[in-house]
């Protein structure tokens, strides 16, 4: 990548904006990008729960920073909209 591009903060972190990506010679409309980048609150809850179960396999070998990221995901899921969608 050259330089910097804009991004939107999503429940999963920063996500590129459609207008900041190079779609030249591609037939990829904004509506499809928006549909594929949508994140539901239910998905966030499920992901955090599945990660918690998976991380238990590592016991004390799991770095605390990774578990902290999982907890932050869980916290963000509580304040996320029902479905987060990228805006133009």
N, C-alpha and C. Protein backbone atom coordinates (compact mmCIF):
# COMPACT_ATOMS: atom_id res chain seq x y z
N UNK A 1 0.84 -1.17 0.00
CA UNK A 1 0.00 0.00 0.00
C UNK A 1 0.88 1.24 0.00
N UNK A 2 0.37 2.26 -0.59
CA UNK A 2 1.07 3.54 -0.60
C UNK A 2 0.36 4.51 0.33
N UNK A 3 1.11 5.12 1.20
CA UNK A 3 0.51 6.13 2.07
C UNK A 3 -0.49 5.55 3.02
N UNK A 4 -1.55 6.30 3.23
CA UNK A 4 -2.57 5.87 4.16
C UNK A 4 -3.93 5.90 3.49
N UNK A 5 -4.84 5.20 4.06
CA UNK A 5 -6.22 5.16 3.57
C UNK A 5 -7.15 5.32 4.75
N UNK A 6 -8.33 5.76 4.45
CA UNK A 6 -9.33 5.91 5.51
C UNK A 6 -9.86 4.56 5.95
N UNK A 7 -10.41 4.54 7.12
CA UNK A 7 -11.00 3.31 7.64
C UNK A 7 -12.12 3.68 8.60
N UNK A 8 -13.00 2.75 8.81
CA UNK A 8 -14.09 2.91 9.75
C UNK A 8 -13.87 1.97 10.91
N UNK A 9 -14.22 2.40 12.09
CA UNK A 9 -14.10 1.54 13.25
C UNK A 9 -15.33 0.64 13.31
N UNK A 10 -15.11 -0.65 13.30
CA UNK A 10 -16.19 -1.63 13.38
C UNK A 10 -16.05 -2.39 14.69
N UNK A 11 -17.02 -3.22 15.03
CA UNK A 11 -16.88 -4.03 16.24
C UNK A 11 -15.68 -4.98 16.20
N UNK A 12 -15.17 -5.24 15.01
CA UNK A 12 -14.01 -6.13 14.87
C UNK A 12 -12.70 -5.37 14.72
N UNK A 13 -12.76 -4.07 14.75
CA UNK A 13 -11.56 -3.26 14.56
C UNK A 13 -11.76 -2.32 13.39
N UNK A 14 -10.67 -1.86 12.79
CA UNK A 14 -10.78 -0.94 11.67
C UNK A 14 -11.00 -1.69 10.38
N UNK A 15 -11.87 -1.12 9.56
CA UNK A 15 -12.22 -1.73 8.28
C UNK A 15 -12.07 -0.70 7.18
N UNK A 16 -11.49 -1.08 6.05
CA UNK A 16 -11.33 -0.11 4.97
C UNK A 16 -12.69 0.35 4.43
N UNK A 17 -12.71 1.58 3.97
CA UNK A 17 -13.91 2.10 3.33
C UNK A 17 -13.90 1.71 1.86
N UNK A 18 -15.05 1.52 1.31
CA UNK A 18 -15.18 1.15 -0.10
C UNK A 18 -14.46 2.16 -0.99
N UNK A 19 -14.66 3.43 -0.74
CA UNK A 19 -14.10 4.47 -1.61
C UNK A 19 -12.57 4.57 -1.52
N UNK A 20 -11.98 3.97 -0.51
CA UNK A 20 -10.53 4.01 -0.36
C UNK A 20 -9.83 2.81 -0.99
N UNK A 21 -10.60 1.92 -1.57
CA UNK A 21 -10.01 0.74 -2.20
C UNK A 21 -10.05 0.92 -3.72
N UNK A 22 -9.13 0.28 -4.40
CA UNK A 22 -9.04 0.37 -5.85
C UNK A 22 -9.92 -0.71 -6.48
N UNK A 23 -11.01 -0.30 -7.07
CA UNK A 23 -11.94 -1.24 -7.72
C UNK A 23 -11.83 -1.17 -9.24
N UNK A 24 -10.81 -0.51 -9.72
CA UNK A 24 -10.62 -0.34 -11.16
C UNK A 24 -10.62 -1.69 -11.86
N UNK A 25 -11.38 -1.78 -12.93
CA UNK A 25 -11.52 -2.99 -13.75
C UNK A 25 -12.24 -4.13 -13.04
N UNK A 26 -12.88 -3.84 -11.91
CA UNK A 26 -13.65 -4.86 -11.20
C UNK A 26 -15.11 -4.44 -11.17
N UNK A 27 -15.97 -5.38 -11.36
CA UNK A 27 -17.41 -5.12 -11.25
C UNK A 27 -17.82 -5.56 -9.84
N UNK A 28 -17.60 -4.68 -8.88
CA UNK A 28 -17.87 -5.02 -7.49
C UNK A 28 -18.58 -3.83 -6.85
N UNK A 29 -19.91 -3.83 -6.88
CA UNK A 29 -20.67 -2.68 -6.39
C UNK A 29 -20.59 -2.51 -4.87
N UNK A 30 -20.83 -1.28 -4.43
CA UNK A 30 -20.82 -0.97 -3.01
C UNK A 30 -21.76 -1.87 -2.22
N UNK A 31 -22.93 -2.14 -2.78
CA UNK A 31 -23.93 -2.96 -2.07
C UNK A 31 -23.38 -4.34 -1.73
N UNK A 32 -22.63 -4.93 -2.62
CA UNK A 32 -22.04 -6.25 -2.35
C UNK A 32 -20.96 -6.14 -1.27
N UNK A 33 -20.13 -5.10 -1.35
CA UNK A 33 -19.11 -4.85 -0.34
C UNK A 33 -19.76 -4.69 1.03
N UNK A 34 -20.84 -3.92 1.07
CA UNK A 34 -21.54 -3.67 2.33
C UNK A 34 -22.13 -4.98 2.89
N UNK A 35 -22.70 -5.78 2.02
CA UNK A 35 -23.30 -7.05 2.46
C UNK A 35 -22.23 -8.00 3.03
N UNK A 36 -21.11 -8.09 2.35
CA UNK A 36 -20.06 -9.02 2.78
C UNK A 36 -19.29 -8.54 4.01
N UNK A 37 -19.31 -7.25 4.27
CA UNK A 37 -18.57 -6.73 5.42
C UNK A 37 -19.46 -6.50 6.64
N UNK A 38 -20.73 -6.81 6.54
CA UNK A 38 -21.65 -6.64 7.67
C UNK A 38 -21.27 -7.59 8.81
N UNK A 39 -21.43 -7.12 10.04
CA UNK A 39 -21.12 -7.91 11.22
C UNK A 39 -22.32 -7.86 12.16
N UNK A 40 -22.87 -9.02 12.48
CA UNK A 40 -24.02 -9.04 13.39
C UNK A 40 -23.55 -9.20 14.84
N UNK A 41 -24.33 -8.65 15.75
CA UNK A 41 -24.03 -8.77 17.18
C UNK A 41 -23.99 -10.25 17.57
N UNK A 42 -24.90 -11.02 17.05
CA UNK A 42 -24.95 -12.46 17.36
C UNK A 42 -23.64 -13.14 16.95
N UNK A 43 -23.11 -12.75 15.80
CA UNK A 43 -21.84 -13.32 15.35
C UNK A 43 -20.71 -12.98 16.31
N UNK A 44 -20.71 -11.75 16.81
CA UNK A 44 -19.67 -11.34 17.77
C UNK A 44 -19.76 -12.17 19.06
N UNK A 45 -20.97 -12.33 19.59
CA UNK A 45 -21.17 -13.14 20.80
C UNK A 45 -20.66 -14.56 20.57
N UNK A 46 -21.05 -15.14 19.44
CA UNK A 46 -20.66 -16.52 19.12
C UNK A 46 -19.15 -16.64 18.99
N UNK A 47 -18.54 -15.70 18.29
CA UNK A 47 -17.09 -15.73 18.10
C UNK A 47 -16.35 -15.66 19.43
N UNK A 48 -16.78 -14.74 20.30
CA UNK A 48 -16.12 -14.59 21.61
C UNK A 48 -16.27 -15.86 22.44
N UNK A 49 -17.45 -16.47 22.40
CA UNK A 49 -17.69 -17.70 23.17
C UNK A 49 -16.86 -18.86 22.63
N UNK A 50 -16.80 -18.99 21.30
CA UNK A 50 -16.02 -20.08 20.71
C UNK A 50 -14.52 -19.89 20.97
N UNK A 51 -14.07 -18.65 20.91
CA UNK A 51 -12.65 -18.40 21.22
C UNK A 51 -12.33 -18.73 22.67
N UNK A 52 -13.24 -18.40 23.58
CA UNK A 52 -13.02 -18.70 25.00
C UNK A 52 -12.85 -20.21 25.19
N UNK A 53 -13.72 -20.98 24.57
CA UNK A 53 -13.65 -22.44 24.67
C UNK A 53 -12.34 -22.95 24.07
N UNK A 54 -11.98 -22.44 22.90
CA UNK A 54 -10.76 -22.86 22.23
C UNK A 54 -9.52 -22.50 23.06
N UNK A 55 -9.49 -21.29 23.60
CA UNK A 55 -8.34 -20.83 24.37
C UNK A 55 -8.12 -21.66 25.64
N UNK A 56 -9.17 -22.25 26.18
CA UNK A 56 -9.04 -23.08 27.38
C UNK A 56 -8.11 -24.26 27.15
N UNK A 57 -7.98 -24.69 25.90
CA UNK A 57 -7.09 -25.80 25.58
C UNK A 57 -5.63 -25.45 25.84
N UNK A 58 -5.32 -24.16 25.83
CA UNK A 58 -3.94 -23.72 25.99
C UNK A 58 -3.57 -23.46 27.45
N UNK A 59 -4.56 -23.44 28.30
CA UNK A 59 -4.34 -23.25 29.73
C UNK A 59 -3.44 -22.05 29.99
N UNK A 60 -2.41 -22.25 30.78
CA UNK A 60 -1.53 -21.14 31.15
C UNK A 60 -0.50 -20.79 30.08
N UNK A 61 -0.50 -21.52 28.96
CA UNK A 61 0.43 -21.23 27.87
C UNK A 61 -0.07 -20.11 26.95
N UNK A 62 -1.35 -19.75 27.09
CA UNK A 62 -1.92 -18.70 26.25
C UNK A 62 -1.46 -17.34 26.76
N UNK A 63 -0.85 -16.53 25.90
CA UNK A 63 -0.44 -15.20 26.35
C UNK A 63 -1.65 -14.37 26.80
N UNK A 64 -1.49 -13.66 27.89
CA UNK A 64 -2.58 -12.84 28.43
C UNK A 64 -3.08 -11.83 27.42
N UNK A 65 -2.21 -11.33 26.57
CA UNK A 65 -2.62 -10.32 25.58
C UNK A 65 -3.65 -10.87 24.60
N UNK A 66 -3.58 -12.16 24.30
CA UNK A 66 -4.56 -12.77 23.39
C UNK A 66 -5.90 -12.89 24.09
N UNK A 67 -5.90 -13.32 25.33
CA UNK A 67 -7.15 -13.40 26.09
C UNK A 67 -7.74 -12.01 26.29
N UNK A 68 -6.89 -11.01 26.47
CA UNK A 68 -7.37 -9.63 26.62
C UNK A 68 -8.08 -9.17 25.35
N UNK A 69 -7.55 -9.54 24.20
CA UNK A 69 -8.21 -9.20 22.92
C UNK A 69 -9.58 -9.87 22.83
N UNK A 70 -9.65 -11.13 23.27
CA UNK A 70 -10.93 -11.84 23.24
C UNK A 70 -11.94 -11.15 24.15
N UNK A 71 -11.51 -10.75 25.34
CA UNK A 71 -12.41 -10.05 26.27
C UNK A 71 -12.89 -8.73 25.68
N UNK A 72 -12.01 -8.04 25.00
CA UNK A 72 -12.40 -6.78 24.36
C UNK A 72 -13.44 -7.02 23.27
N UNK A 73 -13.29 -8.09 22.53
CA UNK A 73 -14.29 -8.45 21.52
C UNK A 73 -15.63 -8.71 22.20
N UNK A 74 -15.60 -9.43 23.30
CA UNK A 74 -16.82 -9.73 24.04
C UNK A 74 -17.47 -8.43 24.53
N UNK A 75 -16.67 -7.50 25.03
CA UNK A 75 -17.19 -6.22 25.51
C UNK A 75 -17.80 -5.41 24.36
N UNK A 76 -17.11 -5.39 23.22
CA UNK A 76 -17.63 -4.65 22.06
C UNK A 76 -18.94 -5.25 21.57
N UNK A 77 -19.11 -6.54 21.74
CA UNK A 77 -20.35 -7.18 21.29
C UNK A 77 -21.55 -6.68 22.07
N UNK A 78 -21.34 -6.24 23.30
CA UNK A 78 -22.45 -5.73 24.11
C UNK A 78 -22.93 -4.36 23.65
N UNK A 79 -22.07 -3.59 23.03
CA UNK A 79 -22.45 -2.25 22.60
C UNK A 79 -22.66 -2.15 21.09
N UNK A 80 -22.42 -3.23 20.38
CA UNK A 80 -22.56 -3.23 18.92
C UNK A 80 -24.04 -3.15 18.52
N UNK A 81 -24.31 -2.56 17.36
CA UNK A 81 -25.69 -2.58 16.87
C UNK A 81 -26.08 -4.01 16.48
N UNK A 82 -27.35 -4.23 16.25
CA UNK A 82 -27.80 -5.58 15.85
C UNK A 82 -27.00 -6.07 14.65
N UNK A 83 -26.82 -5.18 13.67
CA UNK A 83 -25.97 -5.48 12.51
C UNK A 83 -25.20 -4.22 12.20
N UNK A 84 -23.87 -4.33 12.17
CA UNK A 84 -23.02 -3.20 11.79
C UNK A 84 -22.77 -3.30 10.31
N UNK A 85 -22.97 -2.18 9.60
CA UNK A 85 -22.71 -2.13 8.16
C UNK A 85 -21.82 -0.93 7.86
N UNK A 86 -20.92 -1.14 6.93
CA UNK A 86 -20.05 -0.06 6.48
C UNK A 86 -20.92 0.96 5.73
N UNK A 87 -20.62 2.23 5.94
CA UNK A 87 -21.33 3.30 5.25
C UNK A 87 -20.44 3.81 4.11
N UNK A 88 -21.05 4.45 3.13
CA UNK A 88 -20.27 4.98 2.00
C UNK A 88 -19.31 6.04 2.42
